[in-house]
PDB file of N, CA and C in Angstrom:
ATOM      1  N   MET A   1     -19.930 -19.476 -18.042  1.00  0.00           N
ATOM      2  CA  MET A   1     -19.098 -20.666 -18.145  1.00  0.00           C
ATOM      3  C   MET A   1     -17.680 -20.312 -18.565  1.00  0.00           C
ATOM      4  N   LEU A   2     -17.534 -19.261 -19.414  1.00  0.00           N
ATOM      5  CA  LEU A   2     -16.199 -18.903 -19.874  1.00  0.00           C
ATOM      6  C   LEU A   2     -15.306 -18.502 -18.717  1.00  0.00           C
ATOM      7  N   THR A   3     -15.817 -17.696 -17.795  1.00  0.00           N
ATOM      8  CA  THR A   3     -15.009 -17.283 -16.656  1.00  0.00           C
ATOM      9  C   THR A   3     -14.605 -18.492 -15.825  1.00  0.00           C
ATOM     10  N   GLY A   4     -15.552 -19.393 -15.575  1.00  0.00           N
ATOM     11  CA  GLY A   4     -15.238 -20.617 -14.841  1.00  0.00           C
ATOM     12  C   GLY A   4     -14.244 -21.477 -15.600  1.00  0.00           C
ATOM     13  N   GLY A   5     -14.374 -21.493 -16.938  1.00  0.00           N
ATOM     14  CA  GLY A   5     -13.451 -22.258 -17.767  1.00  0.00           C
ATOM     15  C   GLY A   5     -12.043 -21.701 -17.705  1.00  0.00           C
ATOM     16  N   LEU A   6     -11.927 -20.375 -17.752  1.00  0.00           N
ATOM     17  CA  LEU A   6     -10.612 -19.749 -17.643  1.00  0.00           C
ATOM     18  C   LEU A   6     -10.005 -19.988 -16.272  1.00  0.00           C
ATOM     19  N   LYS A   7     -10.847 -19.964 -15.241  1.00  0.00           N
ATOM     20  CA  LYS A   7     -10.367 -20.245 -13.889  1.00  0.00           C
ATOM     21  C   LYS A   7      -9.826 -21.674 -13.816  1.00  0.00           C
ATOM     22  N   SER A   8     -10.569 -22.625 -14.392  1.00  0.00           N
ATOM     23  CA  SER A   8     -10.124 -24.013 -14.385  1.00  0.00           C
ATOM     24  C   SER A   8      -8.806 -24.181 -15.129  1.00  0.00           C
ATOM     25  N   VAL A   9      -8.681 -23.531 -16.275  1.00  0.00           N
ATOM     26  CA  VAL A   9      -7.441 -23.619 -17.044  1.00  0.00           C
ATOM     27  C   VAL A   9      -6.279 -23.079 -16.220  1.00  0.00           C
ATOM     28  N   GLY A  10      -6.487 -21.963 -15.536  1.00  0.00           N
ATOM     29  CA  GLY A  10      -5.436 -21.399 -14.690  1.00  0.00           C
ATOM     30  C   GLY A  10      -5.052 -22.316 -13.544  1.00  0.00           C
ATOM     31  N   ILE A  11      -6.064 -22.875 -12.884  1.00  0.00           N
ATOM     32  CA  ILE A  11      -5.794 -23.799 -11.778  1.00  0.00           C
ATOM     33  C   ILE A  11      -5.040 -25.019 -12.293  1.00  0.00           C
ATOM     34  N   TYR A  12      -5.495 -25.558 -13.417  1.00  0.00           N
ATOM     35  CA  TYR A  12      -4.811 -26.721 -13.985  1.00  0.00           C
ATOM     36  C   TYR A  12      -3.364 -26.387 -14.347  1.00  0.00           C
ATOM     37  N   GLY A  13      -3.126 -25.215 -14.871  1.00  0.00           N
ATOM     38  CA  GLY A  13      -1.761 -24.821 -15.231  1.00  0.00           C
ATOM     39  C   GLY A  13      -0.844 -24.760 -14.024  1.00  0.00           C
ATOM     40  N   VAL A  14      -1.312 -24.127 -12.955  1.00  0.00           N
ATOM     41  CA  VAL A  14      -0.501 -24.031 -11.738  1.00  0.00           C
ATOM     42  C   VAL A  14      -0.343 -25.416 -11.101  1.00  0.00           C
ATOM     43  N   ALA A  15      -1.418 -26.204 -11.118  1.00  0.00           N
ATOM     44  CA  ALA A  15      -1.354 -27.563 -10.574  1.00  0.00           C
ATOM     45  C   ALA A  15      -0.334 -28.401 -11.336  1.00  0.00           C
ATOM     46  N   ALA A  16      -0.312 -28.258 -12.653  1.00  0.00           N
ATOM     47  CA  ALA A  16       0.652 -29.014 -13.458  1.00  0.00           C
ATOM     48  C   ALA A  16       2.086 -28.635 -13.100  1.00  0.00           C
ATOM     49  N   ALA A  17       2.337 -27.342 -12.937  1.00  0.00           N
ATOM     50  CA  ALA A  17       3.679 -26.909 -12.545  1.00  0.00           C
ATOM     51  C   ALA A  17       4.053 -27.486 -11.187  1.00  0.00           C
ATOM     52  N   ALA A  18       3.107 -27.497 -10.264  1.00  0.00           N
ATOM     53  CA  ALA A  18       3.376 -28.044  -8.932  1.00  0.00           C
ATOM     54  C   ALA A  18       3.633 -29.550  -8.994  1.00  0.00           C
ATOM     55  N   GLU A  19       2.837 -30.260  -9.770  1.00  0.00           N
ATOM     56  CA  GLU A  19       3.033 -31.712  -9.848  1.00  0.00           C
ATOM     57  C   GLU A  19       4.342 -32.064 -10.552  1.00  0.00           C
ATOM     58  N   ILE A  20       4.600 -31.434 -11.676  1.00  0.00           N
ATOM     59  CA  ILE A  20       5.823 -31.748 -12.407  1.00  0.00           C
ATOM     60  C   ILE A  20       7.046 -31.362 -11.585  1.00  0.00           C
ATOM     61  N   GLY A  21       6.993 -30.209 -10.929  1.00  0.00           N
ATOM     62  CA  GLY A  21       8.110 -29.813 -10.068  1.00  0.00           C
ATOM     63  C   GLY A  21       8.332 -30.801  -8.938  1.00  0.00           C
ATOM     64  N   GLY A  22       7.250 -31.248  -8.317  1.00  0.00           N
ATOM     65  CA  GLY A  22       7.363 -32.222  -7.231  1.00  0.00           C
ATOM     66  C   GLY A  22       7.899 -33.551  -7.710  1.00  0.00           C
ATOM     67  N   CYS A  23       7.388 -34.016  -8.832  1.00  0.00           N
ATOM     68  CA  CYS A  23       7.874 -35.279  -9.390  1.00  0.00           C
ATOM     69  C   CYS A  23       9.325 -35.158  -9.838  1.00  0.00           C
ATOM     70  N   PHE A  24       9.689 -34.001 -10.390  1.00  0.00           N
ATOM     71  CA  PHE A  24      11.075 -33.816 -10.819  1.00  0.00           C
ATOM     72  C   PHE A  24      12.030 -33.828  -9.633  1.00  0.00           C
ATOM     73  N   ALA A  25      11.577 -33.352  -8.478  1.00  0.00           N
ATOM     74  CA  ALA A  25      12.432 -33.398  -7.289  1.00  0.00           C
ATOM     75  C   ALA A  25      12.795 -34.850  -6.954  1.00  0.00           C
ATOM     76  N   PHE A  26      11.831 -35.755  -7.054  1.00  0.00           N
ATOM     77  CA  PHE A  26      12.114 -37.170  -6.820  1.00  0.00           C
ATOM     78  C   PHE A  26      13.029 -37.725  -7.911  1.00  0.00           C
ATOM     79  N   TRP A  27      12.773 -37.340  -9.159  1.00  0.00           N
ATOM     80  CA  TRP A  27      13.612 -37.771 -10.281  1.00  0.00           C
ATOM     81  C   TRP A  27      15.057 -37.311 -10.052  1.00  0.00           C
ATOM     82  N   ALA A  28      15.203 -36.040  -9.644  1.00  0.00           N
ATOM     83  CA  ALA A  28      16.543 -35.501  -9.416  1.00  0.00           C
ATOM     84  C   ALA A  28      17.271 -36.281  -8.323  1.00  0.00           C
ATOM     85  N   TRP A  29      16.552 -36.623  -7.274  1.00  0.00           N
ATOM     86  CA  TRP A  29      17.156 -37.376  -6.173  1.00  0.00           C
ATOM     87  C   TRP A  29      17.561 -38.783  -6.616  1.00  0.00           C
ATOM     88  N   LEU A  30      16.633 -39.498  -7.249  1.00  0.00           N
ATOM     89  CA  LEU A  30      16.905 -40.891  -7.601  1.00  0.00           C
ATOM     90  C   LEU A  30      17.722 -41.076  -8.875  1.00  0.00           C
ATOM     91  N   ARG A  31      17.478 -40.254  -9.871  1.00  0.00           N
ATOM     92  CA  ARG A  31      18.107 -40.477 -11.171  1.00  0.00           C
ATOM     93  C   ARG A  31      19.299 -39.568 -11.450  1.00  0.00           C
ATOM     94  N   LEU A  32      19.321 -38.413 -10.812  1.00  0.00           N
ATOM     95  CA  LEU A  32      20.414 -37.463 -11.064  1.00  0.00           C
ATOM     96  C   LEU A  32      21.390 -37.365  -9.902  1.00  0.00           C
ATOM     97  N   GLY A  33      21.139 -38.135  -8.849  1.00  0.00           N
ATOM     98  CA  GLY A  33      22.057 -38.159  -7.715  1.00  0.00           C
ATOM     99  C   GLY A  33      22.038 -36.915  -6.842  1.00  0.00           C
ATOM    100  N   LYS A  34      20.948 -36.171  -6.869  1.00  0.00           N
ATOM    101  CA  LYS A  34      20.841 -34.976  -6.027  1.00  0.00           C
ATOM    102  C   LYS A  34      20.630 -35.378  -4.565  1.00  0.00           C
ATOM    103  N   SER A  35      20.808 -34.438  -3.688  1.00  0.00           N
ATOM    104  CA  SER A  35      20.657 -34.655  -2.250  1.00  0.00           C
ATOM    105  C   SER A  35      19.220 -35.037  -1.887  1.00  0.00           C
ATOM    106  N   PRO A  36      19.045 -35.856  -0.842  1.00  0.00           N
ATOM    107  CA  PRO A  36      17.693 -36.160  -0.362  1.00  0.00           C
ATOM    108  C   PRO A  36      16.937 -34.918   0.112  1.00  0.00           C
ATOM    109  N   VAL A  37      17.636 -33.819   0.308  1.00  0.00           N
ATOM    110  CA  VAL A  37      16.995 -32.558   0.690  1.00  0.00           C
ATOM    111  C   VAL A  37      15.981 -32.134  -0.369  1.00  0.00           C
ATOM    112  N   TRP A  38      16.180 -32.561  -1.611  1.00  0.00           N
ATOM    113  CA  TRP A  38      15.247 -32.257  -2.693  1.00  0.00           C
ATOM    114  C   TRP A  38      13.856 -32.823  -2.418  1.00  0.00           C
ATOM    115  N   LEU A  39      13.769 -33.850  -1.578  1.00  0.00           N
ATOM    116  CA  LEU A  39      12.483 -34.503  -1.341  1.00  0.00           C
ATOM    117  C   LEU A  39      11.495 -33.625  -0.581  1.00  0.00           C
ATOM    118  N   ALA A  40      11.959 -32.808   0.340  1.00  0.00           N
ATOM    119  CA  ALA A  40      11.049 -31.969   1.137  1.00  0.00           C
ATOM    120  C   ALA A  40      10.268 -30.979   0.257  1.00  0.00           C
ATOM    121  N   PRO A  41      10.945 -30.177  -0.562  1.00  0.00           N
ATOM    122  CA  PRO A  41      10.153 -29.289  -1.426  1.00  0.00           C
ATOM    123  C   PRO A  41       9.346 -30.075  -2.453  1.00  0.00           C
ATOM    124  N   GLY A  42       9.845 -31.224  -2.868  1.00  0.00           N
ATOM    125  CA  GLY A  42       9.095 -32.053  -3.804  1.00  0.00           C
ATOM    126  C   GLY A  42       7.777 -32.512  -3.204  1.00  0.00           C
ATOM    127  N   MET A  43       7.810 -32.983  -1.962  1.00  0.00           N
ATOM    128  CA  MET A  43       6.577 -33.424  -1.303  1.00  0.00           C
ATOM    129  C   MET A  43       5.628 -32.253  -1.065  1.00  0.00           C
ATOM    130  N   ALA A  44       6.174 -31.102  -0.693  1.00  0.00           N
ATOM    131  CA  ALA A  44       5.335 -29.916  -0.494  1.00  0.00           C
ATOM    132  C   ALA A  44       4.667 -29.514  -1.810  1.00  0.00           C
ATOM    133  N   SER A  45       5.417 -29.575  -2.885  1.00  0.00           N
ATOM    134  CA  SER A  45       4.876 -29.225  -4.190  1.00  0.00           C
ATOM    135  C   SER A  45       3.759 -30.183  -4.599  1.00  0.00           C
ATOM    136  N   LEU A  46       3.929 -31.471  -4.318  1.00  0.00           N
ATOM    137  CA  LEU A  46       2.884 -32.444  -4.638  1.00  0.00           C
ATOM    138  C   LEU A  46       1.636 -32.231  -3.784  1.00  0.00           C
ATOM    139  N   ALA A  47       1.815 -31.802  -2.542  1.00  0.00           N
ATOM    140  CA  ALA A  47       0.656 -31.497  -1.696  1.00  0.00           C
ATOM    141  C   ALA A  47      -0.094 -30.283  -2.239  1.00  0.00           C
ATOM    142  N   VAL A  48       0.632 -29.274  -2.698  1.00  0.00           N
ATOM    143  CA  VAL A  48       0.000 -28.093  -3.304  1.00  0.00           C
ATOM    144  C   VAL A  48      -0.774 -28.497  -4.554  1.00  0.00           C
ATOM    145  N   PHE A  49      -0.187 -29.373  -5.356  1.00  0.00           N
ATOM    146  CA  PHE A  49      -0.871 -29.880  -6.547  1.00  0.00           C
ATOM    147  C   PHE A  49      -2.222 -30.500  -6.180  1.00  0.00           C
ATOM    148  N   ALA A  50      -2.232 -31.397  -5.204  1.00  0.00           N
ATOM    149  CA  ALA A  50      -3.482 -32.070  -4.810  1.00  0.00           C
ATOM    150  C   ALA A  50      -4.490 -31.064  -4.270  1.00  0.00           C
ATOM    151  N   TRP A  51      -4.032 -30.111  -3.499  1.00  0.00           N
ATOM    152  CA  TRP A  51      -4.905 -29.074  -2.930  1.00  0.00           C
ATOM    153  C   TRP A  51      -5.540 -28.240  -4.045  1.00  0.00           C
ATOM    154  N   LEU A  52      -4.734 -27.871  -5.042  1.00  0.00           N
ATOM    155  CA  LEU A  52      -5.255 -27.045  -6.142  1.00  0.00           C
ATOM    156  C   LEU A  52      -6.376 -27.740  -6.906  1.00  0.00           C
ATOM    157  N   LEU A  53      -6.268 -29.043  -7.099  1.00  0.00           N
ATOM    158  CA  LEU A  53      -7.312 -29.735  -7.848  1.00  0.00           C
ATOM    159  C   LEU A  53      -8.665 -29.705  -7.145  1.00  0.00           C
ATOM    160  N   THR A  54      -8.679 -29.442  -5.843  1.00  0.00           N
ATOM    161  CA  THR A  54      -9.962 -29.345  -5.136  1.00  0.00           C
ATOM    162  C   THR A  54     -10.738 -28.092  -5.536  1.00  0.00           C
ATOM    163  N   PHE A  55     -10.086 -27.150  -6.209  1.00  0.00           N
ATOM    164  CA  PHE A  55     -10.746 -25.913  -6.630  1.00  0.00           C
ATOM    165  C   PHE A  55     -11.380 -26.004  -8.018  1.00  0.00           C
ATOM    166  N   ILE A  56     -11.233 -27.141  -8.680  1.00  0.00           N
ATOM    167  CA  ILE A  56     -11.839 -27.313  -9.998  1.00  0.00           C
ATOM    168  C   ILE A  56     -13.343 -27.481  -9.824  1.00  0.00           C
ATOM    169  N   ASP A  57     -14.096 -26.716 -10.611  1.00  0.00           N
ATOM    170  CA  ASP A  57     -15.552 -26.767 -10.540  1.00  0.00           C
ATOM    171  C   ASP A  57     -16.051 -27.999 -11.289  1.00  0.00           C
ATOM    172  N   SER A  58     -16.209 -29.088 -10.543  1.00  0.00           N
ATOM    173  CA  SER A  58     -16.671 -30.348 -11.121  1.00  0.00           C
ATOM    174  C   SER A  58     -17.499 -31.069 -10.074  1.00  0.00           C
ATOM    175  N   SER A  59     -18.529 -31.769 -10.526  1.00  0.00           N
ATOM    176  CA  SER A  59     -19.383 -32.490  -9.588  1.00  0.00           C
ATOM    177  C   SER A  59     -18.741 -33.788  -9.120  1.00  0.00           C
ATOM    178  N   ALA A  60     -17.669 -34.201  -9.772  1.00  0.00           N
ATOM    179  CA  ALA A  60     -17.010 -35.454  -9.410  1.00  0.00           C
ATOM    180  C   ALA A  60     -15.495 -35.293  -9.492  1.00  0.00           C
ATOM    181  N   ALA A  61     -14.811 -35.780  -8.488  1.00  0.00           N
ATOM    182  CA  ALA A  61     -13.351 -35.680  -8.456  1.00  0.00           C
ATOM    183  C   ALA A  61     -12.729 -36.397  -9.648  1.00  0.00           C
ATOM    184  N   GLY A  62     -13.257 -37.563  -9.976  1.00  0.00           N
ATOM    185  CA  GLY A  62     -12.700 -38.325 -11.093  1.00  0.00           C
ATOM    186  C   GLY A  62     -12.727 -37.574 -12.404  1.00  0.00           C
ATOM    187  N   ARG A  63     -13.777 -36.806 -12.623  1.00  0.00           N
ATOM    188  CA  ARG A  63     -13.871 -36.005 -13.858  1.00  0.00           C
ATOM    189  C   ARG A  63     -12.817 -34.897 -13.845  1.00  0.00           C
ATOM    190  N   ALA A  64     -12.631 -34.256 -12.719  1.00  0.00           N
ATOM    191  CA  ALA A  64     -11.609 -33.209 -12.608  1.00  0.00           C
ATOM    192  C   ALA A  64     -10.223 -33.799 -12.846  1.00  0.00           C
ATOM    193  N   TYR A  65      -9.964 -34.978 -12.294  1.00  0.00           N
ATOM    194  CA  TYR A  65      -8.660 -35.629 -12.461  1.00  0.00           C
ATOM    195  C   TYR A  65      -8.459 -36.089 -13.903  1.00  0.00           C
ATOM    196  N   ALA A  66      -9.512 -36.617 -14.520  1.00  0.00           N
ATOM    197  CA  ALA A  66      -9.401 -37.088 -15.899  1.00  0.00           C
ATOM    198  C   ALA A  66      -9.080 -35.928 -16.845  1.00  0.00           C
ATOM    199  N   ALA A  67      -9.774 -34.822 -16.667  1.00  0.00           N
ATOM    200  CA  ALA A  67      -9.504 -33.653 -17.512  1.00  0.00           C
ATOM    201  C   ALA A  67      -8.094 -33.130 -17.261  1.00  0.00           C
ATOM    202  N   TYR A  68      -7.646 -33.187 -16.017  1.00  0.00           N
ATOM    203  CA  TYR A  68      -6.293 -32.741 -15.689  1.00  0.00           C
ATOM    204  C   TYR A  68      -5.236 -33.561 -16.430  1.00  0.00           C
ATOM    205  N   GLY A  69      -5.533 -34.821 -16.689  1.00  0.00           N
ATOM    206  CA  GLY A  69      -4.563 -35.676 -17.369  1.00  0.00           C
ATOM    207  C   GLY A  69      -4.077 -35.088 -18.682  1.00  0.00           C
ATOM    208  N   GLY A  70      -4.969 -34.519 -19.455  1.00  0.00           N
ATOM    209  CA  GLY A  70      -4.578 -33.905 -20.720  1.00  0.00           C
ATOM    210  C   GLY A  70      -3.696 -32.687 -20.513  1.00  0.00           C
ATOM    211  N   VAL A  71      -4.033 -31.893 -19.519  1.00  0.00           N
ATOM    212  CA  VAL A  71      -3.234 -30.708 -19.199  1.00  0.00           C
ATOM    213  C   VAL A  71      -1.836 -31.137 -18.755  1.00  0.00           C
ATOM    214  N   TYR A  72      -1.774 -32.194 -17.948  1.00  0.00           N
ATOM    215  CA  TYR A  72      -0.483 -32.706 -17.463  1.00  0.00           C
ATOM    216  C   TYR A  72       0.407 -33.142 -18.628  1.00  0.00           C
ATOM    217  N   ILE A  73      -0.184 -33.792 -19.608  1.00  0.00           N
ATOM    218  CA  ILE A  73       0.600 -34.240 -20.760  1.00  0.00           C
ATOM    219  C   ILE A  73       1.193 -33.042 -21.497  1.00  0.00           C
ATOM    220  N   VAL A  74       0.391 -32.029 -21.748  1.00  0.00           N
ATOM    221  CA  VAL A  74       0.884 -30.834 -22.439  1.00  0.00           C
ATOM    222  C   VAL A  74       1.964 -30.144 -21.600  1.00  0.00           C
ATOM    223  N   ALA A  75       1.710 -30.004 -20.309  1.00  0.00           N
ATOM    224  CA  ALA A  75       2.691 -29.354 -19.431  1.00  0.00           C
ATOM    225  C   ALA A  75       4.000 -30.147 -19.384  1.00  0.00           C
ATOM    226  N   SER A  76       3.909 -31.453 -19.431  1.00  0.00           N
ATOM    227  CA  SER A  76       5.116 -32.286 -19.422  1.00  0.00           C
ATOM    228  C   SER A  76       5.935 -32.087 -20.691  1.00  0.00           C
ATOM    229  N   ILE A  77       5.267 -31.918 -21.814  1.00  0.00           N
ATOM    230  CA  ILE A  77       5.973 -31.660 -23.067  1.00  0.00           C
ATOM    231  C   ILE A  77       6.635 -30.281 -23.029  1.00  0.00           C
ATOM    232  N   VAL A  78       5.947 -29.307 -22.441  1.00  0.00           N
ATOM    233  CA  VAL A  78       6.547 -27.975 -22.264  1.00  0.00           C
ATOM    234  C   VAL A  78       7.767 -28.074 -21.352  1.00  0.00           C
ATOM    235  N   TRP A  79       7.666 -28.837 -20.264  1.00  0.00           N
ATOM    236  CA  TRP A  79       8.794 -29.053 -19.343  1.00  0.00           C
ATOM    237  C   TRP A  79       9.958 -29.691 -20.097  1.00  0.00           C
ATOM    238  N   LEU A  80       9.666 -30.703 -20.900  1.00  0.00           N
ATOM    239  CA  LEU A  80      10.685 -31.391 -21.691  1.00  0.00           C
ATOM    240  C   LEU A  80      11.523 -30.391 -22.471  1.00  0.00           C
ATOM    241  N   TRP A  81      10.843 -29.437 -23.088  1.00  0.00           N
ATOM    242  CA  TRP A  81      11.519 -28.455 -23.921  1.00  0.00           C
ATOM    243  C   TRP A  81      12.178 -27.349 -23.094  1.00  0.00           C
ATOM    244  N   ALA A  82      11.414 -26.765 -22.177  1.00  0.00           N
ATOM    245  CA  ALA A  82      11.899 -25.584 -21.445  1.00  0.00           C
ATOM    246  C   ALA A  82      12.958 -25.918 -20.394  1.00  0.00           C
ATOM    247  N   VAL A  83      12.800 -27.019 -19.694  1.00  0.00           N
ATOM    248  CA  VAL A  83      13.703 -27.334 -18.583  1.00  0.00           C
ATOM    249  C   VAL A  83      14.785 -28.333 -18.996  1.00  0.00           C
ATOM    250  N   GLU A  84      14.386 -29.358 -19.734  1.00  0.00           N
ATOM    251  CA  GLU A  84      15.341 -30.402 -20.088  1.00  0.00           C
ATOM    252  C   GLU A  84      16.045 -30.153 -21.421  1.00  0.00           C
ATOM    253  N   GLY A  85      15.572 -29.164 -22.166  1.00  0.00           N
ATOM    254  CA  GLY A  85      16.238 -28.782 -23.398  1.00  0.00           C
ATOM    255  C   GLY A  85      16.063 -29.754 -24.556  1.00  0.00           C
ATOM    256  N   ALA A  86      15.085 -30.650 -24.472  1.00  0.00           N
ATOM    257  CA  ALA A  86      14.824 -31.596 -25.557  1.00  0.00           C
ATOM    258  C   ALA A  86      13.618 -31.099 -26.348  1.00  0.00           C
ATOM    259  N   ARG A  87      13.829 -30.793 -27.579  1.00  0.00           N
ATOM    260  CA  ARG A  87      12.742 -30.268 -28.413  1.00  0.00           C
ATOM    261  C   ARG A  87      11.726 -31.369 -28.715  1.00  0.00           C
ATOM    262  N   PRO A  88      10.438 -31.095 -28.485  1.00  0.00           N
ATOM    263  CA  PRO A  88       9.411 -32.094 -28.793  1.00  0.00           C
ATOM    264  C   PRO A  88       9.362 -32.384 -30.290  1.00  0.00           C
ATOM    265  N   ASP A  89       9.118 -33.638 -30.634  1.00  0.00           N
ATOM    266  CA  ASP A  89       8.971 -33.972 -32.046  1.00  0.00           C
ATOM    267  C   ASP A  89       7.492 -33.938 -32.419  1.00  0.00           C
ATOM    268  N   ARG A  90       7.198 -34.243 -33.676  1.00  0.00           N
ATOM    269  CA  ARG A  90       5.811 -34.149 -34.139  1.00  0.00           C
ATOM    270  C   ARG A  90       4.897 -35.113 -33.400  1.00  0.00           C
ATOM    271  N   TRP A  91       5.413 -36.243 -32.948  1.00  0.00           N
ATOM    272  CA  TRP A  91       4.582 -37.223 -32.236  1.00  0.00           C
ATOM    273  C   TRP A  91       4.266 -36.732 -30.831  1.00  0.00           C
ATOM    274  N   ASP A  92       5.226 -36.071 -30.202  1.00  0.00           N
ATOM    275  CA  ASP A  92       4.955 -35.440 -28.903  1.00  0.00           C
ATOM    276  C   ASP A  92       3.845 -34.408 -29.049  1.00  0.00           C
ATOM    277  N   THR A  93       3.972 -33.573 -30.072  1.00  0.00           N
ATOM    278  CA  THR A  93       3.003 -32.503 -30.302  1.00  0.00           C
ATOM    279  C   THR A  93       1.619 -33.053 -30.640  1.00  0.00           C
ATOM    280  N   LEU A  94       1.570 -34.050 -31.506  1.00  0.00           N
ATOM    281  CA  LEU A  94       0.289 -34.647 -31.870  1.00  0.00           C
ATOM    282  C   LEU A  94      -0.367 -35.309 -30.659  1.00  0.00           C
ATOM    283  N   GLY A  95       0.387 -36.088 -29.922  1.00  0.00           N
ATOM    284  CA  GLY A  95      -0.167 -36.761 -28.743  1.00  0.00           C
ATOM    285  C   GLY A  95      -0.670 -35.777 -27.708  1.00  0.00           C
ATOM    286  N   ALA A  96       0.089 -34.707 -27.466  1.00  0.00           N
ATOM    287  CA  ALA A  96      -0.331 -33.693 -26.501  1.00  0.00           C
ATOM    288  C   ALA A  96      -1.595 -32.979 -26.975  1.00  0.00           C
ATOM    289  N   SER A  97      -1.692 -32.725 -28.266  1.00  0.00           N
ATOM    290  CA  SER A  97      -2.885 -32.065 -28.812  1.00  0.00           C
ATOM    291  C   SER A  97      -4.125 -32.933 -28.637  1.00  0.00           C
ATOM    292  N   VAL A  98      -3.996 -34.213 -28.946  1.00  0.00           N
ATOM    293  CA  VAL A  98      -5.123 -35.133 -28.785  1.00  0.00           C
ATOM    294  C   VAL A  98      -5.541 -35.204 -27.314  1.00  0.00           C
ATOM    295  N   ALA A  99      -4.567 -35.283 -26.412  1.00  0.00           N
ATOM    296  CA  ALA A  99      -4.877 -35.345 -24.982  1.00  0.00           C
ATOM    297  C   ALA A  99      -5.583 -34.081 -24.505  1.00  0.00           C
ATOM    298  N   LEU A 100      -5.141 -32.915 -24.990  1.00  0.00           N
ATOM    299  CA  LEU A 100      -5.754 -31.658 -24.579  1.00  0.00           C
ATOM    300  C   LEU A 100      -7.180 -31.535 -25.115  1.00  0.00           C
ATOM    301  N   ILE A 101      -7.412 -31.999 -26.316  1.00  0.00           N
ATOM    302  CA  ILE A 101      -8.775 -32.001 -26.852  1.00  0.00           C
ATOM    303  C   ILE A 101      -9.660 -32.903 -25.994  1.00  0.00           C
ATOM    304  N   GLY A 102      -9.151 -34.069 -25.633  1.00  0.00           N
ATOM    305  CA  GLY A 102      -9.906 -34.976 -24.764  1.00  0.00           C
ATOM    306  C   GLY A 102     -10.209 -34.347 -23.421  1.00  0.00           C
ATOM    307  N   ALA A 103      -9.230 -33.655 -22.847  1.00  0.00           N
ATOM    308  CA  ALA A 103      -9.441 -32.990 -21.558  1.00  0.00           C
ATOM    309  C   ALA A 103     -10.524 -31.926 -21.669  1.00  0.00           C
ATOM    310  N   ALA A 104     -10.521 -31.158 -22.758  1.00  0.00           N
ATOM    311  CA  ALA A 104     -11.530 -30.112 -22.952  1.00  0.00           C
ATOM    312  C   ALA A 104     -12.924 -30.718 -23.075  1.00  0.00           C
ATOM    313  N   ILE A 105     -13.025 -31.826 -23.774  1.00  0.00           N
ATOM    314  CA  ILE A 105     -14.324 -32.494 -23.905  1.00  0.00           C
ATOM    315  C   ILE A 105     -14.830 -32.935 -22.534  1.00  0.00           C
ATOM    316  N   ILE A 106     -13.957 -33.521 -21.741  1.00  0.00           N
ATOM    317  CA  ILE A 106     -14.347 -33.987 -20.407  1.00  0.00           C
ATOM    318  C   ILE A 106     -14.765 -32.813 -19.526  1.00  0.00           C
ATOM    319  N   LEU A 107     -13.958 -31.754 -19.507  1.00  0.00           N
ATOM    320  CA  LEU A 107     -14.199 -30.652 -18.590  1.00  0.00           C
ATOM    321  C   LEU A 107     -15.347 -29.752 -19.018  1.00  0.00           C
ATOM    322  N   PHE A 108     -15.455 -29.458 -20.305  1.00  0.00           N
ATOM    323  CA  PHE A 108     -16.427 -28.466 -20.764  1.00  0.00           C
ATOM    324  C   PHE A 108     -17.646 -29.052 -21.465  1.00  0.00           C
ATOM    325  N   GLY A 109     -17.712 -30.378 -21.586  1.00  0.00           N
ATOM    326  CA  GLY A 109     -18.855 -31.007 -22.233  1.00  0.00           C
ATOM    327  C   GLY A 109     -20.144 -30.716 -21.473  1.00  0.00           C
ATOM    328  N   PRO A 110     -21.265 -30.593 -22.200  1.00  0.00           N
ATOM    329  CA  PRO A 110     -22.538 -30.298 -21.532  1.00  0.00           C
ATOM    330  C   PRO A 110     -22.956 -31.450 -20.607  1.00  0.00           C
ATOM    331  N   ARG A 111     -23.450 -31.103 -19.445  1.00  0.00           N
ATOM    332  CA  ARG A 111     -23.925 -32.091 -18.464  1.00  0.00           C
ATOM    333  C   ARG A 111     -25.384 -31.820 -18.186  1.00  0.00           C
ATOM    334  N   ARG A 112     -26.084 -32.850 -17.807  1.00  0.00           N
ATOM    335  CA  ARG A 112     -27.498 -32.683 -17.440  1.00  0.00           C
ATOM    336  C   ARG A 112     -27.651 -32.132 -16.068  1.00  0.00           C
TER     337      ARG A 112
END
C-alpha cells in the first residue's frame, strides 16, 4: 500500500500543478489583462490534470476527486507563496493542514 500511496501522492502533486497552472492561465487572461494566447496552454494543462486523475488507484472517481481536493488546497497555498509572493498566514496553514488530513483519510482509509 505504501508504494501505491506514494504513487498517488506523486500523481496528485503533478495534477495539482497542472490544474493550478491551467486555472492561472485563465486568471492571467481575464484578471491580469494577458493575451488570449494564454488560454491554449491553460486548456492543455487542464486536460493533463483530468487525465492524470484517471491514474489514481480508487474504486470510485468521486473518492479520487474528493481526496484530490485536499491536495489542491495545499498546492494552492504553496502557489500563493511561491508564485504570487504572498506569505500564507496561520489560518491558511491551519486550513490546508485540516484539508490534507481529510484527503489522507479519504484516500488511505481501510475499505472492505
